[in-house]
């Protein structure tokens, strides 16, 4: 995923485009947040684990006010209604990372999560 995300971010930079909202679904320790921070104006860092979110804050630096950290269970939250503590112009994510979140032996759970995540990505 690292090389793919790098290519996407490099392409956005080369084109002079800066997505409004980026999201790391299941951000864990925040591995992808620095790369998202290079290209996105605002970022949602979402994970079920508060302790991993604390590590992510330290990884990125707690002073980056563009990043909103939220402890959420992606399988049981309406992402379209997620309060991100930012101006209310949010209508979906422009760029998203989802690494190791859809690992489940239960196909119904995987499809439900995928549907939920895709439902909050902007189409344009």
Protein backbone atom coordinates (compact mmCIF):
# COMPACT_ATOMS: atom_id res chain seq x y z
CA UNK A 1 0.00 0.00 0.00
CA UNK A 2 2.89 2.35 0.67
CA UNK A 3 4.00 2.64 -2.96
CA UNK A 4 0.40 2.99 -4.19
CA UNK A 5 -0.37 5.77 -1.72
CA UNK A 6 2.91 7.48 -2.58
CA UNK A 7 1.99 7.43 -6.28
CA UNK A 8 -1.46 8.89 -5.56
CA UNK A 9 0.01 11.63 -3.36
CA UNK A 10 2.76 12.41 -5.88
CA UNK A 11 0.18 12.64 -8.68
CA UNK A 12 -1.96 15.02 -6.63
CA UNK A 13 1.07 17.20 -5.85
CA UNK A 14 2.19 17.19 -9.50
CA UNK A 15 -1.29 18.24 -10.62
CA UNK A 16 -1.42 20.99 -7.99
CA UNK A 17 -4.49 19.42 -6.40
CA UNK A 18 -5.07 19.46 -2.66
CA UNK A 19 -7.97 17.32 -1.47
CA UNK A 20 -10.09 18.93 1.22
CA UNK A 21 -10.63 15.80 3.31
CA UNK A 22 -8.47 12.70 3.71
CA UNK A 23 -9.25 9.77 5.97
CA UNK A 24 -7.35 6.85 7.39
CA UNK A 25 -9.96 4.22 8.24
CA UNK A 26 -8.43 2.14 11.02
CA UNK A 27 -5.37 4.37 11.33
CA UNK A 28 -3.74 2.31 14.09
CA UNK A 29 -0.41 3.94 14.97
CA UNK A 30 -0.77 6.55 12.23
CA UNK A 31 1.61 5.13 9.65
CA UNK A 32 -0.18 6.75 6.69
CA UNK A 33 -1.12 10.05 8.37
CA UNK A 34 2.11 11.92 7.52
CA UNK A 35 1.66 11.08 3.84
CA UNK A 36 -2.00 12.18 3.91
CA UNK A 37 -0.94 15.36 5.72
CA UNK A 38 1.32 16.24 2.79
CA UNK A 39 -1.62 16.52 0.40
CA UNK A 40 -4.89 16.95 2.34
CA UNK A 41 -6.13 20.10 4.02
CA UNK A 42 -7.94 18.16 6.77
CA UNK A 43 -7.69 14.55 7.88
CA UNK A 44 -9.85 12.18 9.89
CA UNK A 45 -7.87 9.52 11.76
CA UNK A 46 -10.33 6.81 12.78
CA UNK A 47 -9.63 3.70 14.84
CA UNK A 48 -11.46 1.53 17.34
CA UNK A 49 -8.49 1.65 19.75
CA UNK A 50 -7.96 4.76 21.86
CA UNK A 51 -4.47 3.59 22.79
CA UNK A 52 -3.48 3.27 19.12
CA UNK A 53 -4.90 6.76 18.47
CA UNK A 54 -2.66 8.07 21.27
CA UNK A 55 0.34 6.49 19.51
CA UNK A 56 -0.81 8.03 16.21
CA UNK A 57 -0.99 11.48 17.83
CA UNK A 58 2.60 11.11 19.00
CA UNK A 59 3.69 9.75 15.59
CA UNK A 60 2.31 12.74 13.71
CA UNK A 61 2.68 15.38 16.38
CA UNK A 62 -0.15 16.53 18.58
CA UNK A 63 0.10 20.09 17.30
CA UNK A 64 -1.23 19.31 13.81
CA UNK A 65 -4.72 20.79 14.14
CA UNK A 66 -5.68 19.61 10.66
CA UNK A 67 -6.03 16.05 11.97
CA UNK A 68 -9.14 14.99 13.88
CA UNK A 69 -8.71 11.76 15.85
CA UNK A 70 -11.83 9.72 16.66
CA UNK A 71 -12.24 6.37 18.38
CA UNK A 72 -15.00 4.65 16.42
CA UNK A 73 -16.13 1.14 15.63
CA UNK A 74 -16.27 1.32 11.84
CA UNK A 75 -18.71 -1.61 11.78
CA UNK A 76 -21.24 0.20 13.95
CA UNK A 77 -21.05 3.90 13.16
CA UNK A 78 -22.76 6.01 10.52
CA UNK A 79 -19.68 7.65 9.01
CA UNK A 80 -21.79 10.22 7.18
CA UNK A 81 -22.94 11.59 10.54
CA UNK A 82 -19.56 11.49 12.21
CA UNK A 83 -18.86 14.73 14.10
CA UNK A 84 -15.36 15.69 13.02
CA UNK A 85 -15.17 18.91 15.00
CA UNK A 86 -14.48 20.86 11.84
CA UNK A 87 -16.59 23.32 9.85
CA UNK A 88 -19.85 21.71 8.80
CA UNK A 89 -19.00 21.71 5.09
CA UNK A 90 -17.99 18.05 5.26
CA UNK A 91 -19.85 15.97 2.71
CA UNK A 92 -17.50 13.06 2.28
CA UNK A 93 -13.84 12.17 2.00
CA UNK A 94 -11.78 12.96 -1.10
CA UNK A 95 -8.95 10.53 -0.38
CA UNK A 96 -8.99 7.54 1.93
CA UNK A 97 -6.68 4.82 3.18
CA UNK A 98 -8.02 1.54 4.50
CA UNK A 99 -5.23 -0.91 5.33
CA UNK A 100 -5.83 -4.13 7.27
CA UNK A 101 -9.33 -3.12 8.33
CA UNK A 102 -11.29 -5.48 6.11
CA UNK A 103 -9.59 -8.59 7.49
CA UNK A 104 -12.37 -10.83 8.72
CA UNK A 105 -13.36 -14.42 8.07
CA UNK A 106 -16.99 -13.30 7.93
CA UNK A 107 -17.87 -12.20 4.40
CA UNK A 108 -21.03 -10.41 5.56
CA UNK A 109 -18.99 -8.25 7.95
CA UNK A 110 -16.43 -7.42 5.27
CA UNK A 111 -19.11 -6.43 2.74
CA UNK A 112 -20.95 -4.35 5.33
CA UNK A 113 -17.76 -2.49 6.26
CA UNK A 114 -16.83 -1.94 2.64
CA UNK A 115 -20.30 -0.60 1.86
CA UNK A 116 -20.12 1.71 4.89
CA UNK A 117 -16.68 3.02 3.93
CA UNK A 118 -17.51 3.52 0.26
CA UNK A 119 -20.67 5.37 1.23
CA UNK A 120 -18.69 8.27 2.62
CA UNK A 121 -16.28 8.78 -0.28
CA UNK A 122 -17.05 11.65 -2.63
CA UNK A 123 -17.64 10.56 -6.20
CA UNK A 124 -16.00 13.62 -7.73
